[in-house]
PDB file of N, CA and C in Angstrom:
ATOM      1  N   MET A   1       5.146  -0.160   9.546  1.00  0.00           N
ATOM      2  CA  MET A   1       3.839  -0.708   9.531  1.00  0.00           C
ATOM      3  C   MET A   1       3.899  -1.771  10.741  1.00  0.00           C
ATOM      4  N   PRO A   2       2.860  -1.538  11.573  1.00  0.00           N
ATOM      5  CA  PRO A   2       2.560  -2.446  12.770  1.00  0.00           C
ATOM      6  C   PRO A   2       2.406  -3.934  11.816  1.00  0.00           C
ATOM      7  N   GLN A   3       2.769  -5.021  12.624  1.00  0.00           N
ATOM      8  CA  GLN A   3       2.366  -6.238  12.138  1.00  0.00           C
ATOM      9  C   GLN A   3       1.257  -6.909  12.872  1.00  0.00           C
ATOM     10  N   SER A   4       0.791  -6.328  13.910  1.00  0.00           N
ATOM     11  CA  SER A   4      -0.623  -6.886  14.415  1.00  0.00           C
ATOM     12  C   SER A   4      -1.466  -6.889  13.547  1.00  0.00           C
ATOM     13  N   GLY A   5      -2.614  -7.711  13.913  1.00  0.00           N
ATOM     14  CA  GLY A   5      -3.949  -7.643  13.093  1.00  0.00           C
ATOM     15  C   GLY A   5      -3.702  -8.167  11.686  1.00  0.00           C
ATOM     16  N   ARG A   6      -4.766  -8.110  10.970  1.00  0.00           N
ATOM     17  CA  ARG A   6      -4.776  -8.664   9.621  1.00  0.00           C
ATOM     18  C   ARG A   6      -3.917  -7.648   8.876  1.00  0.00           C
ATOM     19  N   ARG A   7      -2.945  -8.387   7.944  1.00  0.00           N
ATOM     20  CA  ARG A   7      -2.204  -7.674   7.195  1.00  0.00           C
ATOM     21  C   ARG A   7      -2.759  -6.981   6.007  1.00  0.00           C
ATOM     22  N   PRO A   8      -2.544  -5.706   5.585  1.00  0.00           N
ATOM     23  CA  PRO A   8      -3.485  -5.030   4.355  1.00  0.00           C
ATOM     24  C   PRO A   8      -3.712  -5.882   3.147  1.00  0.00           C
ATOM     25  N   GLN A   9      -2.869  -6.800   2.576  1.00  0.00           N
ATOM     26  CA  GLN A   9      -2.869  -7.090   1.473  1.00  0.00           C
ATOM     27  C   GLN A   9      -3.927  -8.220   1.524  1.00  0.00           C
ATOM     28  N   HIS A  10      -4.282  -8.767   2.988  1.00  0.00           N
ATOM     29  CA  HIS A  10      -5.620  -9.545   3.162  1.00  0.00           C
ATOM     30  C   HIS A  10      -6.761  -8.884   3.308  1.00  0.00           C
ATOM     31  N   GLN A  11      -6.898  -7.496   3.082  1.00  0.00           N
ATOM     32  CA  GLN A  11      -8.276  -6.932   3.616  1.00  0.00           C
ATOM     33  C   GLN A  11      -8.540  -6.395   1.960  1.00  0.00           C
ATOM     34  N   PHE A  12      -7.348  -5.879   0.811  1.00  0.00           N
ATOM     35  CA  PHE A  12      -7.972  -5.864  -0.322  1.00  0.00           C
ATOM     36  C   PHE A  12      -6.830  -6.634  -1.362  1.00  0.00           C
ATOM     37  N   GLU A  13      -7.371  -6.923  -2.376  1.00  0.00           N
ATOM     38  CA  GLU A  13      -6.753  -7.666  -3.312  1.00  0.00           C
ATOM     39  C   GLU A  13      -5.320  -7.139  -3.844  1.00  0.00           C
ATOM     40  N   ALA A  14      -4.155  -7.638  -3.321  1.00  0.00           N
ATOM     41  CA  ALA A  14      -2.766  -6.992  -3.536  1.00  0.00           C
ATOM     42  C   ALA A  14      -1.991  -8.175  -3.231  1.00  0.00           C
ATOM     43  N   ARG A  15      -0.726  -7.974  -3.799  1.00  0.00           N
ATOM     44  CA  ARG A  15       0.577  -8.520  -3.412  1.00  0.00           C
ATOM     45  C   ARG A  15       1.388  -7.882  -3.084  1.00  0.00           C
ATOM     46  N   VAL A  16       2.345  -8.149  -2.145  1.00  0.00           N
ATOM     47  CA  VAL A  16       3.573  -7.601  -1.317  1.00  0.00           C
ATOM     48  C   VAL A  16       4.702  -7.539  -2.281  1.00  0.00           C
ATOM     49  N   ILE A  17       5.209  -6.349  -2.570  1.00  0.00           N
ATOM     50  CA  ILE A  17       6.556  -6.718  -3.115  1.00  0.00           C
ATOM     51  C   ILE A  17       7.590  -6.804  -2.260  1.00  0.00           C
ATOM     52  N   PRO A  18       8.313  -8.244  -2.120  1.00  0.00           N
ATOM     53  CA  PRO A  18       9.291  -8.737  -1.017  1.00  0.00           C
ATOM     54  C   PRO A  18      10.060  -7.486  -1.024  1.00  0.00           C
ATOM     55  N   VAL A  19      10.618  -7.479   0.368  1.00  0.00           N
ATOM     56  CA  VAL A  19      11.654  -6.284   0.735  1.00  0.00           C
ATOM     57  C   VAL A  19      13.105  -6.972   0.006  1.00  0.00           C
ATOM     58  N   GLU A  20      13.643  -7.950  -0.570  1.00  0.00           N
ATOM     59  CA  GLU A  20      14.585  -8.327  -1.129  1.00  0.00           C
ATOM     60  C   GLU A  20      14.525  -8.008  -2.381  1.00  0.00           C
ATOM     61  N   ASP A  21      13.006  -7.493  -3.186  1.00  0.00           N
ATOM     62  CA  ASP A  21      13.387  -7.280  -4.271  1.00  0.00           C
ATOM     63  C   ASP A  21      14.131  -6.101  -4.672  1.00  0.00           C
ATOM     64  N   PRO A  22      14.902  -6.020  -6.061  1.00  0.00           N
ATOM     65  CA  PRO A  22      15.777  -4.809  -5.984  1.00  0.00           C
ATOM     66  C   PRO A  22      15.134  -3.754  -6.333  1.00  0.00           C
ATOM     67  N   VAL A  23      13.961  -3.894  -6.778  1.00  0.00           N
ATOM     68  CA  VAL A  23      12.964  -2.481  -7.035  1.00  0.00           C
ATOM     69  C   VAL A  23      12.653  -1.935  -5.744  1.00  0.00           C
ATOM     70  N   ILE A  24      12.606  -2.367  -4.407  1.00  0.00           N
ATOM     71  CA  ILE A  24      12.542  -1.559  -3.559  1.00  0.00           C
ATOM     72  C   ILE A  24      13.299  -0.693  -3.150  1.00  0.00           C
ATOM     73  N   ALA A  25      14.790  -0.887  -3.547  1.00  0.00           N
ATOM     74  CA  ALA A  25      15.602   0.028  -3.211  1.00  0.00           C
ATOM     75  C   ALA A  25      15.273   1.429  -3.914  1.00  0.00           C
ATOM     76  N   GLN A  26      14.704   1.463  -5.060  1.00  0.00           N
ATOM     77  CA  GLN A  26      14.467   2.641  -5.979  1.00  0.00           C
ATOM     78  C   GLN A  26      12.961   3.022  -5.318  1.00  0.00           C
ATOM     79  N   LEU A  27      12.247   2.664  -5.290  1.00  0.00           N
ATOM     80  CA  LEU A  27      10.934   2.679  -4.474  1.00  0.00           C
ATOM     81  C   LEU A  27      11.209   3.618  -3.311  1.00  0.00           C
ATOM     82  N   ASN A  28      12.103   3.011  -2.363  1.00  0.00           N
ATOM     83  CA  ASN A  28      12.255   3.754  -1.269  1.00  0.00           C
ATOM     84  C   ASN A  28      12.897   5.246  -1.077  1.00  0.00           C
ATOM     85  N   GLU A  29      13.672   5.307  -2.325  1.00  0.00           N
ATOM     86  CA  GLU A  29      14.311   6.493  -2.700  1.00  0.00           C
ATOM     87  C   GLU A  29      13.218   7.357  -2.995  1.00  0.00           C
ATOM     88  N   LEU A  30      12.241   6.910  -4.019  1.00  0.00           N
ATOM     89  CA  LEU A  30      11.013   7.688  -4.244  1.00  0.00           C
ATOM     90  C   LEU A  30      10.301   8.186  -3.555  1.00  0.00           C
ATOM     91  N   PHE A  31       9.826   7.234  -2.543  1.00  0.00           N
ATOM     92  CA  PHE A  31       8.492   7.444  -1.542  1.00  0.00           C
ATOM     93  C   PHE A  31       8.966   7.179  -0.395  1.00  0.00           C
ATOM     94  N   GLY A  32      10.038   6.956  -0.099  1.00  0.00           N
ATOM     95  CA  GLY A  32      10.343   6.608   1.436  1.00  0.00           C
ATOM     96  C   GLY A  32      10.214   5.142   1.742  1.00  0.00           C
ATOM     97  N   GLU A  33      10.516   4.756   2.792  1.00  0.00           N
ATOM     98  CA  GLU A  33      10.089   3.623   3.493  1.00  0.00           C
ATOM     99  C   GLU A  33       8.939   3.280   3.537  1.00  0.00           C
ATOM    100  N   HIS A  34       8.202   2.184   2.793  1.00  0.00           N
ATOM    101  CA  HIS A  34       7.032   1.555   3.005  1.00  0.00           C
ATOM    102  C   HIS A  34       7.091   0.373   2.602  1.00  0.00           C
ATOM    103  N   THR A  35       5.929  -0.281   3.109  1.00  0.00           N
ATOM    104  CA  THR A  35       5.553  -1.699   2.388  1.00  0.00           C
ATOM    105  C   THR A  35       4.735  -1.520   0.942  1.00  0.00           C
ATOM    106  N   PHE A  36       5.502  -1.936   0.068  1.00  0.00           N
ATOM    107  CA  PHE A  36       4.723  -1.498  -1.393  1.00  0.00           C
ATOM    108  C   PHE A  36       3.916  -2.998  -1.828  1.00  0.00           C
ATOM    109  N   PHE A  37       2.503  -2.667  -2.631  1.00  0.00           N
ATOM    110  CA  PHE A  37       1.342  -3.303  -2.774  1.00  0.00           C
ATOM    111  C   PHE A  37       1.184  -3.361  -4.243  1.00  0.00           C
ATOM    112  N   LEU A  38       1.208  -4.411  -4.997  1.00  0.00           N
ATOM    113  CA  LEU A  38       0.649  -4.283  -6.370  1.00  0.00           C
ATOM    114  C   LEU A  38      -0.611  -4.733  -6.581  1.00  0.00           C
ATOM    115  N   ASP A  39      -1.728  -4.266  -7.072  1.00  0.00           N
ATOM    116  CA  ASP A  39      -2.749  -4.659  -7.137  1.00  0.00           C
ATOM    117  C   ASP A  39      -3.231  -4.538  -8.674  1.00  0.00           C
ATOM    118  N   GLN A  40      -4.409  -4.807  -9.236  1.00  0.00           N
ATOM    119  CA  GLN A  40      -5.022  -4.837 -10.729  1.00  0.00           C
ATOM    120  C   GLN A  40      -4.850  -3.218 -11.124  1.00  0.00           C
ATOM    121  N   HIS A  41      -4.675  -2.428 -10.213  1.00  0.00           N
ATOM    122  CA  HIS A  41      -4.504  -0.990 -10.911  1.00  0.00           C
ATOM    123  C   HIS A  41      -3.392  -0.461 -10.747  1.00  0.00           C
ATOM    124  N   GLY A  42      -2.279  -0.904  -9.799  1.00  0.00           N
ATOM    125  CA  GLY A  42      -1.012  -0.492  -9.856  1.00  0.00           C
ATOM    126  C   GLY A  42      -0.221  -0.623  -8.949  1.00  0.00           C
ATOM    127  N   LEU A  43       0.644   0.282  -8.312  1.00  0.00           N
ATOM    128  CA  LEU A  43       1.720   0.421  -7.098  1.00  0.00           C
ATOM    129  C   LEU A  43       0.755   0.908  -6.072  1.00  0.00           C
ATOM    130  N   ASN A  44       0.957   0.625  -4.646  1.00  0.00           N
ATOM    131  CA  ASN A  44       0.345   0.837  -3.993  1.00  0.00           C
ATOM    132  C   ASN A  44       0.871   1.136  -2.881  1.00  0.00           C
ATOM    133  N   ILE A  45       0.531   1.976  -1.673  1.00  0.00           N
ATOM    134  CA  ILE A  45       1.087   1.707  -0.166  1.00  0.00           C
ATOM    135  C   ILE A  45       0.057   2.060   0.533  1.00  0.00           C
ATOM    136  N   VAL A  46       0.282   1.982   2.063  1.00  0.00           N
ATOM    137  CA  VAL A  46      -0.863   2.502   3.129  1.00  0.00           C
ATOM    138  C   VAL A  46      -0.495   3.665   4.013  1.00  0.00           C
ATOM    139  N   GLU A  47      -1.105   4.641   4.263  1.00  0.00           N
ATOM    140  CA  GLU A  47      -0.807   5.397   4.996  1.00  0.00           C
ATOM    141  C   GLU A  47      -1.857   5.690   6.122  1.00  0.00           C
ATOM    142  N   PRO A  48      -1.426   5.864   7.582  1.00  0.00           N
ATOM    143  CA  PRO A  48      -2.221   6.224   8.664  1.00  0.00           C
ATOM    144  C   PRO A  48      -3.249   7.145   8.759  1.00  0.00           C
ATOM    145  N   VAL A  49      -4.304   6.725   8.885  1.00  0.00           N
ATOM    146  CA  VAL A  49      -5.525   7.609   8.840  1.00  0.00           C
ATOM    147  C   VAL A  49      -6.174   7.308  10.337  1.00  0.00           C
ATOM    148  N   GLU A  50      -7.284   8.525  10.287  1.00  0.00           N
ATOM    149  CA  GLU A  50      -7.826   8.288  12.129  1.00  0.00           C
ATOM    150  C   GLU A  50      -8.853   7.379  11.870  1.00  0.00           C
ATOM    151  N   ALA A  51      -8.848   6.307  12.613  1.00  0.00           N
ATOM    152  CA  ALA A  51     -10.015   5.388  12.619  1.00  0.00           C
ATOM    153  C   ALA A  51     -11.058   5.686  13.081  1.00  0.00           C
ATOM    154  N   ALA A  52     -12.562   5.338  12.620  1.00  0.00           N
ATOM    155  CA  ALA A  52     -13.808   5.586  13.561  1.00  0.00           C
ATOM    156  C   ALA A  52     -13.511   4.792  14.612  1.00  0.00           C
ATOM    157  N   GLU A  53     -13.235   3.935  14.794  1.00  0.00           N
ATOM    158  CA  GLU A  53     -13.106   3.231  15.978  1.00  0.00           C
ATOM    159  C   GLU A  53     -12.025   3.739  16.832  1.00  0.00           C
ATOM    160  N   PRO A  54     -11.872   4.316  17.919  1.00  0.00           N
ATOM    161  CA  PRO A  54     -10.918   4.842  18.424  1.00  0.00           C
ATOM    162  C   PRO A  54      -9.787   3.690  19.140  1.00  0.00           C
ATOM    163  N   ALA A  55     -10.232   2.487  19.089  1.00  0.00           N
ATOM    164  CA  ALA A  55      -9.306   1.489  19.670  1.00  0.00           C
ATOM    165  C   ALA A  55      -8.471   0.773  18.407  1.00  0.00           C
ATOM    166  N   ALA A  56      -8.811   1.016  17.218  1.00  0.00           N
ATOM    167  CA  ALA A  56      -8.337   0.784  15.906  1.00  0.00           C
ATOM    168  C   ALA A  56      -7.243   1.528  15.203  1.00  0.00           C
ATOM    169  N   GLU A  57      -6.335   0.947  14.449  1.00  0.00           N
ATOM    170  CA  GLU A  57      -5.292   1.778  13.932  1.00  0.00           C
ATOM    171  C   GLU A  57      -5.326   0.882  12.399  1.00  0.00           C
ATOM    172  N   CYS A  58      -5.697   2.171  11.544  1.00  0.00           N
ATOM    173  CA  CYS A  58      -6.522   2.014  10.264  1.00  0.00           C
ATOM    174  C   CYS A  58      -5.533   2.620   9.251  1.00  0.00           C
ATOM    175  N   ALA A  59      -5.455   2.100   7.936  1.00  0.00           N
ATOM    176  CA  ALA A  59      -4.481   3.293   7.147  1.00  0.00           C
ATOM    177  C   ALA A  59      -5.528   2.974   5.868  1.00  0.00           C
ATOM    178  N   LYS A  60      -5.126   4.070   4.924  1.00  0.00           N
ATOM    179  CA  LYS A  60      -5.893   4.145   3.699  1.00  0.00           C
ATOM    180  C   LYS A  60      -4.921   3.797   2.627  1.00  0.00           C
ATOM    181  N   VAL A  61      -5.605   3.118   1.716  1.00  0.00           N
ATOM    182  CA  VAL A  61      -4.493   2.572   0.653  1.00  0.00           C
ATOM    183  C   VAL A  61      -4.147   3.983  -0.378  1.00  0.00           C
ATOM    184  N   VAL A  62      -3.191   4.235  -0.836  1.00  0.00           N
ATOM    185  CA  VAL A  62      -2.648   5.290  -1.496  1.00  0.00           C
ATOM    186  C   VAL A  62      -2.031   4.802  -2.929  1.00  0.00           C
ATOM    187  N   LYS A  63      -2.476   5.198  -3.952  1.00  0.00           N
ATOM    188  CA  LYS A  63      -1.646   4.900  -5.352  1.00  0.00           C
ATOM    189  C   LYS A  63      -0.803   5.706  -5.592  1.00  0.00           C
ATOM    190  N   LEU A  64       0.141   4.742  -6.230  1.00  0.00           N
ATOM    191  CA  LEU A  64       1.316   5.643  -6.790  1.00  0.00           C
ATOM    192  C   LEU A  64       1.689   5.750  -8.347  1.00  0.00           C
ATOM    193  N   ALA A  65       1.470   4.738  -8.720  1.00  0.00           N
ATOM    194  CA  ALA A  65       1.535   4.143 -10.231  1.00  0.00           C
ATOM    195  C   ALA A  65       0.456   3.494 -10.417  1.00  0.00           C
ATOM    196  N   SER A  66      -0.142   3.727 -11.964  1.00  0.00           N
ATOM    197  CA  SER A  66      -0.738   2.696 -12.818  1.00  0.00           C
ATOM    198  C   SER A  66      -0.020   2.103 -13.680  1.00  0.00           C
ATOM    199  N   TRP A  67      -1.099   0.858 -14.149  1.00  0.00           N
ATOM    200  CA  TRP A  67      -0.349   0.016 -15.016  1.00  0.00           C
ATOM    201  C   TRP A  67      -0.607   0.997 -16.448  1.00  0.00           C
ATOM    202  N   SER A  68       0.526   0.852 -17.138  1.00  0.00           N
ATOM    203  CA  SER A  68       0.363   1.550 -18.421  1.00  0.00           C
ATOM    204  C   SER A  68      -0.083   0.807 -19.445  1.00  0.00           C
ATOM    205  N   ASP A  69      -0.342  -0.637 -19.367  1.00  0.00           N
ATOM    206  CA  ASP A  69      -1.132  -1.598 -20.377  1.00  0.00           C
ATOM    207  C   ASP A  69      -1.408  -2.404 -19.648  1.00  0.00           C
ATOM    208  N   ASP A  70      -2.364  -3.325 -20.679  1.00  0.00           N
ATOM    209  CA  ASP A  70      -3.347  -4.370 -20.008  1.00  0.00           C
ATOM    210  C   ASP A  70      -2.347  -5.694 -19.999  1.00  0.00           C
ATOM    211  N   SER A  71      -1.311  -5.925 -20.214  1.00  0.00           N
ATOM    212  CA  SER A  71      -0.402  -6.856 -19.884  1.00  0.00           C
ATOM    213  C   SER A  71       0.038  -6.488 -18.557  1.00  0.00           C
ATOM    214  N   ARG A  72      -0.146  -5.670 -17.905  1.00  0.00           N
ATOM    215  CA  ARG A  72       0.430  -5.047 -16.370  1.00  0.00           C
ATOM    216  C   ARG A  72       1.894  -5.441 -16.225  1.00  0.00           C
ATOM    217  N   SER A  73       2.725  -5.121 -17.390  1.00  0.00           N
ATOM    218  CA  SER A  73       4.029  -5.218 -17.192  1.00  0.00           C
ATOM    219  C   SER A  73       4.942  -3.700 -17.005  1.00  0.00           C
ATOM    220  N   ASP A  74       4.238  -2.706 -17.380  1.00  0.00           N
ATOM    221  CA  ASP A  74       4.970  -1.335 -16.753  1.00  0.00           C
ATOM    222  C   ASP A  74       4.203  -0.622 -16.134  1.00  0.00           C
ATOM    223  N   LEU A  75       4.671   0.096 -15.036  1.00  0.00           N
ATOM    224  CA  LEU A  75       3.900   1.361 -14.387  1.00  0.00           C
ATOM    225  C   LEU A  75       4.365   2.539 -14.774  1.00  0.00           C
ATOM    226  N   LYS A  76       3.196   3.077 -14.562  1.00  0.00           N
ATOM    227  CA  LYS A  76       3.415   4.888 -14.902  1.00  0.00           C
ATOM    228  C   LYS A  76       3.440   5.736 -13.672  1.00  0.00           C
ATOM    229  N   LEU A  77       4.319   6.281 -13.066  1.00  0.00           N
ATOM    230  CA  LEU A  77       4.135   6.928 -11.850  1.00  0.00           C
ATOM    231  C   LEU A  77       3.188   8.131 -12.112  1.00  0.00           C
ATOM    232  N   HIS A  78       2.618   8.636 -10.912  1.00  0.00           N
ATOM    233  CA  HIS A  78       1.592   9.741 -11.015  1.00  0.00           C
ATOM    234  C   HIS A  78       2.028  10.200  -9.444  1.00  0.00           C
ATOM    235  N   GLU A  79       1.350  11.595  -9.650  1.00  0.00           N
ATOM    236  CA  GLU A  79       0.733  11.996  -7.941  1.00  0.00           C
ATOM    237  C   GLU A  79       0.180  10.769  -7.195  1.00  0.00           C
ATOM    238  N   PRO A  80       0.679  10.934  -5.941  1.00  0.00           N
ATOM    239  CA  PRO A  80      -0.046   9.715  -5.083  1.00  0.00           C
ATOM    240  C   PRO A  80      -1.490  10.247  -4.869  1.00  0.00           C
ATOM    241  N   ALA A  81      -2.325   9.254  -5.254  1.00  0.00           N
ATOM    242  CA  ALA A  81      -3.915   9.193  -5.119  1.00  0.00           C
ATOM    243  C   ALA A  81      -4.554   8.576  -3.817  1.00  0.00           C
ATOM    244  N   ALA A  82      -5.088   9.336  -3.031  1.00  0.00           N
ATOM    245  CA  ALA A  82      -5.581   8.146  -2.233  1.00  0.00           C
ATOM    246  C   ALA A  82      -7.013   7.546  -2.764  1.00  0.00           C
ATOM    247  N   THR A  83      -7.074   6.330  -2.705  1.00  0.00           N
ATOM    248  CA  THR A  83      -8.154   5.492  -2.672  1.00  0.00           C
ATOM    249  C   THR A  83      -9.416   5.485  -1.686  1.00  0.00           C
ATOM    250  N   ASP A  84     -10.462   4.851  -1.879  1.00  0.00           N
ATOM    251  CA  ASP A  84     -11.472   4.359  -0.678  1.00  0.00           C
ATOM    252  C   ASP A  84     -11.402   3.437   0.042  1.00  0.00           C
ATOM    253  N   ILE A  85     -10.109   3.033   0.087  1.00  0.00           N
ATOM    254  CA  ILE A  85     -10.009   1.586   0.682  1.00  0.00           C
ATOM    255  C   ILE A  85      -9.252   1.942   1.790  1.00  0.00           C
ATOM    256  N   VAL A  86      -9.789   1.457   3.051  1.00  0.00           N
ATOM    257  CA  VAL A  86      -9.537   1.802   4.206  1.00  0.00           C
ATOM    258  C   VAL A  86      -9.094   0.431   4.999  1.00  0.00           C
ATOM    259  N   VAL A  87      -8.113  -0.100   5.483  1.00  0.00           N
ATOM    260  CA  VAL A  87      -7.737  -1.207   6.095  1.00  0.00           C
ATOM    261  C   VAL A  87      -7.432  -0.942   7.453  1.00  0.00           C
ATOM    262  N   THR A  88      -7.473  -2.405   8.000  1.00  0.00           N
ATOM    263  CA  THR A  88      -7.173  -2.140   9.870  1.00  0.00           C
ATOM    264  C   THR A  88      -5.883  -2.669   9.589  1.00  0.00           C
ATOM    265  N   LEU A  89      -4.884  -2.003  10.707  1.00  0.00           N
ATOM    266  CA  LEU A  89      -3.917  -2.920  10.968  1.00  0.00           C
ATOM    267  C   LEU A  89      -3.638  -3.579  12.199  1.00  0.00           C
ATOM    268  N   GLY A  90      -4.558  -2.957  12.957  1.00  0.00           N
ATOM    269  CA  GLY A  90      -4.284  -3.689  14.090  1.00  0.00           C
ATOM    270  C   GLY A  90      -5.019  -2.853  15.456  1.00  0.00           C
ATOM    271  N   SER A  91      -5.119  -3.058  16.620  1.00  0.00           N
ATOM    272  CA  SER A  91      -5.849  -2.418  17.954  1.00  0.00           C
ATOM    273  C   SER A  91      -4.619  -1.744  18.356  1.00  0.00           C
ATOM    274  N   LYS A  92      -4.894  -0.868  18.788  1.00  0.00           N
ATOM    275  CA  LYS A  92      -3.762   0.605  19.569  1.00  0.00           C
ATOM    276  C   LYS A  92      -3.656   0.114  21.143  1.00  0.00           C
ATOM    277  N   HIS A  93      -2.513  -0.157  21.607  1.00  0.00           N
ATOM    278  CA  HIS A  93      -2.354  -0.417  22.970  1.00  0.00           C
ATOM    279  C   HIS A  93      -2.080   0.560  23.908  1.00  0.00           C
TER     280      HIS A  93
END
């Protein structure tokens, strides 16, 4: 994912799972290499989409797993589900 522009986690309330976290290897095996985000609803990635503005690079937030309980201590995987959240990754060069 490009590092230019505002990072996705600053455009929706989420925190990035650090690449050093042991769970990243498992997530990469399941979903491919992505930056993984945790938010109030569960586990997410961002996937590129066509931007309304041709000069911008945008991505849609895709939910991969939902919290299984109110304590947010366990995730339940499900089919990837695109959300309505679109973030700007940066400008096209």
